[in-house]
Amino acid sequence: DPLGGFLEAISFVALDFVHILPSACALGKSLNHFEHLLVVTATPIALYALILLGSWIFNMRKFKGRFKVISFNFLNIMIFLLPSISKTICQSFRCTIYDDNSDAPFSYLSVDLSVDCGTALYETQVLYASLMMIVYTLGVPLVLGMWLYKFRHKLNPQDAVVSVSSASALELDISGASSTDV
């Protein structure tokens, strides 16, 4: 399978820090999917809260300015982590049904066959994953979009709009420039 081989070759780009860190060595057991989901979704929120709390405790007077900087940096980091977190969240819903020709087929979580989809653990996982789907998959892009909308005039100032005729003239100037001019 060429696509599977390609995706495996670039899997390091996913930034899935739970799989990168040797949790089986540190904990003495490997994490099941629900534990993996908890770590992947709770860690960024907990780190953000701890950094905000530390900033507030150690310098309350300048907290408002630091809050904006910390939040901006958190959103920048979340842009890189969001695909990996969203993938882990979405993997929490898919079950594979196995039928052994009995009256009651059974199903297991596709990404972790140790999780039976008919148990309370799975139902808890689905509830938590649904909440995190709202927080991460919808919430982070929504907040980022609101910030972009808030600063839209700084991102695209009205006096910087180039007309079509001046864009064509600009294109001609660039094409006529030599490599030493650029």
C-alpha atoms as a PDB file:
ATOM      1  CA  ASP A   1       0.000   0.000   0.000  1.00  0.00           C
ATOM      2  CA  PRO A   2       1.899   3.119  -1.190  1.00  0.00           C
ATOM      3  CA  LEU A   3      -0.301   5.587   0.712  1.00  0.00           C
ATOM      4  CA  GLY A   4       0.077   3.694   3.989  1.00  0.00           C
ATOM      5  CA  GLY A   5       3.858   3.599   3.546  1.00  0.00           C
ATOM      6  CA  PHE A   6       3.965   7.316   2.815  1.00  0.00           C
ATOM      7  CA  LEU A   7       1.804   8.178   5.835  1.00  0.00           C
ATOM      8  CA  GLU A   8       3.972   5.975   8.055  1.00  0.00           C
ATOM      9  CA  ALA A   9       7.118   7.713   6.754  1.00  0.00           C
ATOM     10  CA  ILE A  10       5.810  11.188   7.658  1.00  0.00           C
ATOM     11  CA  SER A  11       4.066  10.185  10.902  1.00  0.00           C
ATOM     12  CA  PHE A  12       6.627  12.119  12.974  1.00  0.00           C
ATOM     13  CA  VAL A  13       4.983  15.328  11.736  1.00  0.00           C
ATOM     14  CA  ALA A  14       1.811  14.452  13.672  1.00  0.00           C
ATOM     15  CA  LEU A  15       3.392  15.722  16.940  1.00  0.00           C
ATOM     16  CA  ASP A  16       1.658  13.033  18.989  1.00  0.00           C
ATOM     17  CA  PHE A  17       3.742  13.539  22.121  1.00  0.00           C
ATOM     18  CA  VAL A  18       2.178  10.584  23.976  1.00  0.00           C
ATOM     19  CA  HIS A  19       3.486   8.149  21.363  1.00  0.00           C
ATOM     20  CA  ILE A  20       6.845   9.942  21.198  1.00  0.00           C
ATOM     21  CA  LEU A  21       7.435   9.652  24.965  1.00  0.00           C
ATOM     22  CA  PRO A  22       8.009   6.113  26.291  1.00  0.00           C
ATOM     23  CA  SER A  23       4.931   5.861  28.531  1.00  0.00           C
ATOM     24  CA  ALA A  24       5.166   2.065  28.726  1.00  0.00           C
ATOM     25  CA  CYS A  25       8.639   2.316  30.303  1.00  0.00           C
ATOM     26  CA  ALA A  26       7.730   5.133  32.685  1.00  0.00           C
ATOM     27  CA  LEU A  27       4.373   3.724  33.829  1.00  0.00           C
ATOM     28  CA  GLY A  28       5.096   0.027  33.523  1.00  0.00           C
ATOM     29  CA  LYS A  29       2.149  -0.411  31.143  1.00  0.00           C
ATOM     30  CA  SER A  30       1.024   1.019  27.866  1.00  0.00           C
ATOM     31  CA  LEU A  31      -1.872   3.446  27.835  1.00  0.00           C
ATOM     32  CA  ASN A  32      -5.236   2.365  26.477  1.00  0.00           C
ATOM     33  CA  HIS A  33      -6.974   4.752  24.101  1.00  0.00           C
ATOM     34  CA  PHE A  34      -9.050   6.484  26.776  1.00  0.00           C
ATOM     35  CA  GLU A  35      -5.959   7.202  28.882  1.00  0.00           C
ATOM     36  CA  HIS A  36      -4.174   8.410  25.750  1.00  0.00           C
ATOM     37  CA  LEU A  37      -7.153  10.672  24.980  1.00  0.00           C
ATOM     38  CA  LEU A  38      -7.097  12.103  28.513  1.00  0.00           C
ATOM     39  CA  VAL A  39      -3.375  12.891  28.334  1.00  0.00           C
ATOM     40  CA  VAL A  40      -3.533  14.382  24.832  1.00  0.00           C
ATOM     41  CA  THR A  41      -6.515  16.632  25.553  1.00  0.00           C
ATOM     42  CA  ALA A  42      -5.924  17.584  29.203  1.00  0.00           C
ATOM     43  CA  THR A  43      -2.189  18.371  28.991  1.00  0.00           C
ATOM     44  CA  PRO A  44      -2.435  21.518  26.793  1.00  0.00           C
ATOM     45  CA  ILE A  45      -5.287  22.925  28.875  1.00  0.00           C
ATOM     46  CA  ALA A  46      -3.490  22.172  32.161  1.00  0.00           C
ATOM     47  CA  LEU A  47      -0.207  23.708  30.941  1.00  0.00           C
ATOM     48  CA  TYR A  48      -2.023  26.822  29.723  1.00  0.00           C
ATOM     49  CA  ALA A  49      -3.795  27.171  33.090  1.00  0.00           C
ATOM     50  CA  LEU A  50      -0.547  26.649  35.042  1.00  0.00           C
ATOM     51  CA  ILE A  51       1.330  29.224  32.965  1.00  0.00           C
ATOM     52  CA  LEU A  52      -1.496  31.746  33.404  1.00  0.00           C
ATOM     53  CA  LEU A  53      -1.669  31.059  37.131  1.00  0.00           C
ATOM     54  CA  GLY A  54       2.102  31.400  37.529  1.00  0.00           C
ATOM     55  CA  SER A  55       2.123  34.627  35.565  1.00  0.00           C
ATOM     56  CA  TRP A  56      -0.714  35.999  37.684  1.00  0.00           C
ATOM     57  CA  ILE A  57       0.884  34.992  41.000  1.00  0.00           C
ATOM     58  CA  PHE A  58       4.382  36.287  40.258  1.00  0.00           C
ATOM     59  CA  ASN A  59       3.444  39.545  38.594  1.00  0.00           C
ATOM     60  CA  MET A  60      -0.164  40.587  39.093  1.00  0.00           C
ATOM     61  CA  ARG A  61       0.331  44.165  37.893  1.00  0.00           C
ATOM     62  CA  LYS A  62       1.410  43.178  34.379  1.00  0.00           C
ATOM     63  CA  PHE A  63      -0.900  40.174  34.081  1.00  0.00           C
ATOM     64  CA  LYS A  64      -3.286  41.723  31.543  1.00  0.00           C
ATOM     65  CA  GLY A  65      -0.506  42.283  29.006  1.00  0.00           C
ATOM     66  CA  ARG A  66       0.997  38.875  29.695  1.00  0.00           C
ATOM     67  CA  PHE A  67      -2.399  37.208  29.322  1.00  0.00           C
ATOM     68  CA  LYS A  68      -2.596  38.386  25.710  1.00  0.00           C
ATOM     69  CA  VAL A  69       0.949  37.216  24.954  1.00  0.00           C
ATOM     70  CA  ILE A  70       0.459  33.847  26.651  1.00  0.00           C
ATOM     71  CA  SER A  71      -2.883  33.304  24.892  1.00  0.00           C
ATOM     72  CA  PHE A  72      -1.396  34.268  21.533  1.00  0.00           C
ATOM     73  CA  ASN A  73       1.520  31.851  22.013  1.00  0.00           C
ATOM     74  CA  PHE A  74      -0.848  29.113  23.191  1.00  0.00           C
ATOM     75  CA  LEU A  75      -2.939  29.487  20.030  1.00  0.00           C
ATOM     76  CA  ASN A  76       0.202  29.349  17.881  1.00  0.00           C
ATOM     77  CA  ILE A  77       1.236  26.092  19.534  1.00  0.00           C
ATOM     78  CA  MET A  78      -2.299  24.727  19.235  1.00  0.00           C
ATOM     79  CA  ILE A  79      -2.199  25.265  15.469  1.00  0.00           C
ATOM     80  CA  PHE A  80       0.558  22.643  15.329  1.00  0.00           C
ATOM     81  CA  LEU A  81      -0.985  20.269  17.887  1.00  0.00           C
ATOM     82  CA  LEU A  82      -4.588  20.504  16.678  1.00  0.00           C
ATOM     83  CA  PRO A  83      -4.366  17.882  13.882  1.00  0.00           C
ATOM     84  CA  SER A  84      -2.900  15.271  16.236  1.00  0.00           C
ATOM     85  CA  ILE A  85      -5.381  16.061  19.012  1.00  0.00           C
ATOM     86  CA  SER A  86      -8.328  16.038  16.605  1.00  0.00           C
ATOM     87  CA  LYS A  87      -7.218  12.704  15.157  1.00  0.00           C
ATOM     88  CA  THR A  88      -7.046  11.156  18.633  1.00  0.00           C
ATOM     89  CA  ILE A  89     -10.484  12.549  19.496  1.00  0.00           C
ATOM     90  CA  CYS A  90     -12.057  11.249  16.279  1.00  0.00           C
ATOM     91  CA  GLN A  91     -10.522   7.793  16.766  1.00  0.00           C
ATOM     92  CA  SER A  92     -12.549   7.525  19.985  1.00  0.00           C
ATOM     93  CA  PHE A  93     -15.814   6.889  18.142  1.00  0.00           C
ATOM     94  CA  ARG A  94     -15.071   4.197  15.550  1.00  0.00           C
ATOM     95  CA  CYS A  95     -15.849   0.625  16.542  1.00  0.00           C
ATOM     96  CA  THR A  96     -15.335  -2.513  14.478  1.00  0.00           C
ATOM     97  CA  ILE A  97     -18.045  -5.155  14.679  1.00  0.00           C
ATOM     98  CA  TYR A  98     -16.925  -8.784  14.861  1.00  0.00           C
ATOM     99  CA  ASP A  99     -19.396 -11.577  14.216  1.00  0.00           C
ATOM    100  CA  ASP A 100     -18.649 -15.140  15.256  1.00  0.00           C
ATOM    101  CA  ASN A 101     -21.986 -16.412  13.881  1.00  0.00           C
ATOM    102  CA  SER A 102     -23.616 -16.136  17.286  1.00  0.00           C
ATOM    103  CA  ASP A 103     -26.754 -14.186  18.091  1.00  0.00           C
ATOM    104  CA  ALA A 104     -24.862 -11.260  19.593  1.00  0.00           C
ATOM    105  CA  PRO A 105     -21.962  -9.847  17.571  1.00  0.00           C
ATOM    106  CA  PHE A 106     -19.409  -7.900  19.580  1.00  0.00           C
ATOM    107  CA  SER A 107     -17.534  -4.710  18.791  1.00  0.00           C
ATOM    108  CA  TYR A 108     -14.212  -3.228  19.812  1.00  0.00           C
ATOM    109  CA  LEU A 109     -12.678   0.196  19.375  1.00  0.00           C
ATOM    110  CA  SER A 110     -10.861   0.147  16.036  1.00  0.00           C
ATOM    111  CA  VAL A 111      -7.769   1.951  17.303  1.00  0.00           C
ATOM    112  CA  ASP A 112      -7.497  -0.072  20.552  1.00  0.00           C
ATOM    113  CA  LEU A 113      -8.912  -3.585  20.550  1.00  0.00           C
ATOM    114  CA  SER A 114      -8.702  -3.757  24.347  1.00  0.00           C
ATOM    115  CA  VAL A 115     -11.705  -1.413  24.597  1.00  0.00           C
ATOM    116  CA  ASP A 116     -15.075  -3.168  24.252  1.00  0.00           C
ATOM    117  CA  CYS A 117     -17.617  -0.791  22.708  1.00  0.00           C
ATOM    118  CA  GLY A 118     -20.422  -2.223  24.833  1.00  0.00           C
ATOM    119  CA  THR A 119     -18.943  -1.169  28.181  1.00  0.00           C
ATOM    120  CA  ALA A 120     -19.348   1.834  30.439  1.00  0.00           C
ATOM    121  CA  LEU A 121     -15.702   2.730  29.798  1.00  0.00           C
ATOM    122  CA  TYR A 122     -16.471   3.212  26.105  1.00  0.00           C
ATOM    123  CA  GLU A 123     -19.570   5.285  26.853  1.00  0.00           C
ATOM    124  CA  THR A 124     -17.525   7.504  29.192  1.00  0.00           C
ATOM    125  CA  GLN A 125     -14.848   7.810  26.517  1.00  0.00           C
ATOM    126  CA  VAL A 126     -17.430   8.847  23.910  1.00  0.00           C
ATOM    127  CA  LEU A 127     -18.906  11.450  26.262  1.00  0.00           C
ATOM    128  CA  TYR A 128     -15.474  12.901  27.059  1.00  0.00           C
ATOM    129  CA  ALA A 129     -14.402  12.788  23.396  1.00  0.00           C
ATOM    130  CA  SER A 130     -17.609  14.615  22.406  1.00  0.00           C
ATOM    131  CA  LEU A 131     -16.846  17.377  24.896  1.00  0.00           C
ATOM    132  CA  MET A 132     -13.245  17.623  23.677  1.00  0.00           C
ATOM    133  CA  MET A 133     -14.510  17.673  20.084  1.00  0.00           C
ATOM    134  CA  ILE A 134     -16.351  20.882  20.945  1.00  0.00           C
ATOM    135  CA  VAL A 135     -13.363  22.354  22.825  1.00  0.00           C
ATOM    136  CA  TYR A 136     -10.621  21.511  20.319  1.00  0.00           C
ATOM    137  CA  THR A 137     -12.058  20.734  16.902  1.00  0.00           C
ATOM    138  CA  LEU A 138     -14.584  23.561  17.001  1.00  0.00           C
ATOM    139  CA  GLY A 139     -13.362  25.861  19.788  1.00  0.00           C
ATOM    140  CA  VAL A 140      -9.727  26.460  18.842  1.00  0.00           C
ATOM    141  CA  PRO A 141     -10.459  27.356  15.182  1.00  0.00           C
ATOM    142  CA  LEU A 142     -13.372  29.526  16.324  1.00  0.00           C
ATOM    143  CA  VAL A 143     -11.174  31.471  18.784  1.00  0.00           C
ATOM    144  CA  LEU A 144      -8.452  31.788  16.164  1.00  0.00           C
ATOM    145  CA  GLY A 145     -11.008  33.064  13.651  1.00  0.00           C
ATOM    146  CA  MET A 146     -12.323  35.600  16.166  1.00  0.00           C
ATOM    147  CA  TRP A 147      -8.771  36.876  16.783  1.00  0.00           C
ATOM    148  CA  LEU A 148      -8.135  37.153  13.059  1.00  0.00           C
ATOM    149  CA  TYR A 149     -11.420  39.019  12.624  1.00  0.00           C
ATOM    150  CA  LYS A 150     -10.517  41.359  15.493  1.00  0.00           C
ATOM    151  CA  PHE A 151      -7.186  42.259  13.869  1.00  0.00           C
ATOM    152  CA  ARG A 152      -8.412  42.182  10.262  1.00  0.00           C
ATOM    153  CA  HIS A 153      -7.683  45.886   9.731  1.00  0.00           C
ATOM    154  CA  LYS A 154      -4.088  45.465  10.853  1.00  0.00           C
ATOM    155  CA  LEU A 155      -3.693  42.340   8.711  1.00  0.00           C
ATOM    156  CA  ASN A 156      -5.109  44.029   5.599  1.00  0.00           C
ATOM    157  CA  PRO A 157      -4.987  47.821   5.987  1.00  0.00           C
ATOM    158  CA  GLN A 158      -7.224  49.780   3.613  1.00  0.00           C
ATOM    159  CA  ASP A 159      -4.371  51.974   2.383  1.00  0.00           C
ATOM    160  CA  ALA A 160      -2.408  48.875   1.321  1.00  0.00           C
ATOM    161  CA  VAL A 161      -5.026  47.719  -1.197  1.00  0.00           C
ATOM    162  CA  VAL A 162      -3.494  47.505  -4.653  1.00  0.00           C
ATOM    163  CA  SER A 163      -5.694  48.158  -7.665  1.00  0.00           C
ATOM    164  CA  VAL A 164      -5.645  45.867 -10.694  1.00  0.00           C
ATOM    165  CA  SER A 165      -3.911  48.459 -12.892  1.00  0.00           C
ATOM    166  CA  SER A 166      -1.180  49.142 -10.317  1.00  0.00           C
ATOM    167  CA  ALA A 167      -0.802  45.386  -9.746  1.00  0.00           C
ATOM    168  CA  SER A 168      -0.193  44.916 -13.473  1.00  0.00           C
ATOM    169  CA  ALA A 169       2.371  47.729 -13.441  1.00  0.00           C
ATOM    170  CA  LEU A 170       4.001  46.197 -10.378  1.00  0.00           C
ATOM    171  CA  GLU A 171       4.133  42.833 -12.145  1.00  0.00           C
ATOM    172  CA  LEU A 172       5.835  44.453 -15.133  1.00  0.00           C
ATOM    173  CA  ASP A 173       8.393  46.155 -12.868  1.00  0.00           C
ATOM    174  CA  ILE A 174       9.236  42.880 -11.165  1.00  0.00           C
ATOM    175  CA  SER A 175       9.585  40.962 -14.430  1.00  0.00           C
ATOM    176  CA  GLY A 176      11.875  43.665 -15.848  1.00  0.00           C
ATOM    177  CA  ALA A 177      14.162  43.693 -12.808  1.00  0.00           C
ATOM    178  CA  SER A 178      17.481  41.913 -12.955  1.00  0.00           C
ATOM    179  CA  SER A 179      18.582  39.420 -10.317  1.00  0.00           C
ATOM    180  CA  THR A 180      20.863  42.025  -8.743  1.00  0.00           C
ATOM    181  CA  ASP A 181      17.923  44.435  -8.282  1.00  0.00           C
ATOM    182  CA  VAL A 182      15.884  41.957  -6.257  1.00  0.00           C
END
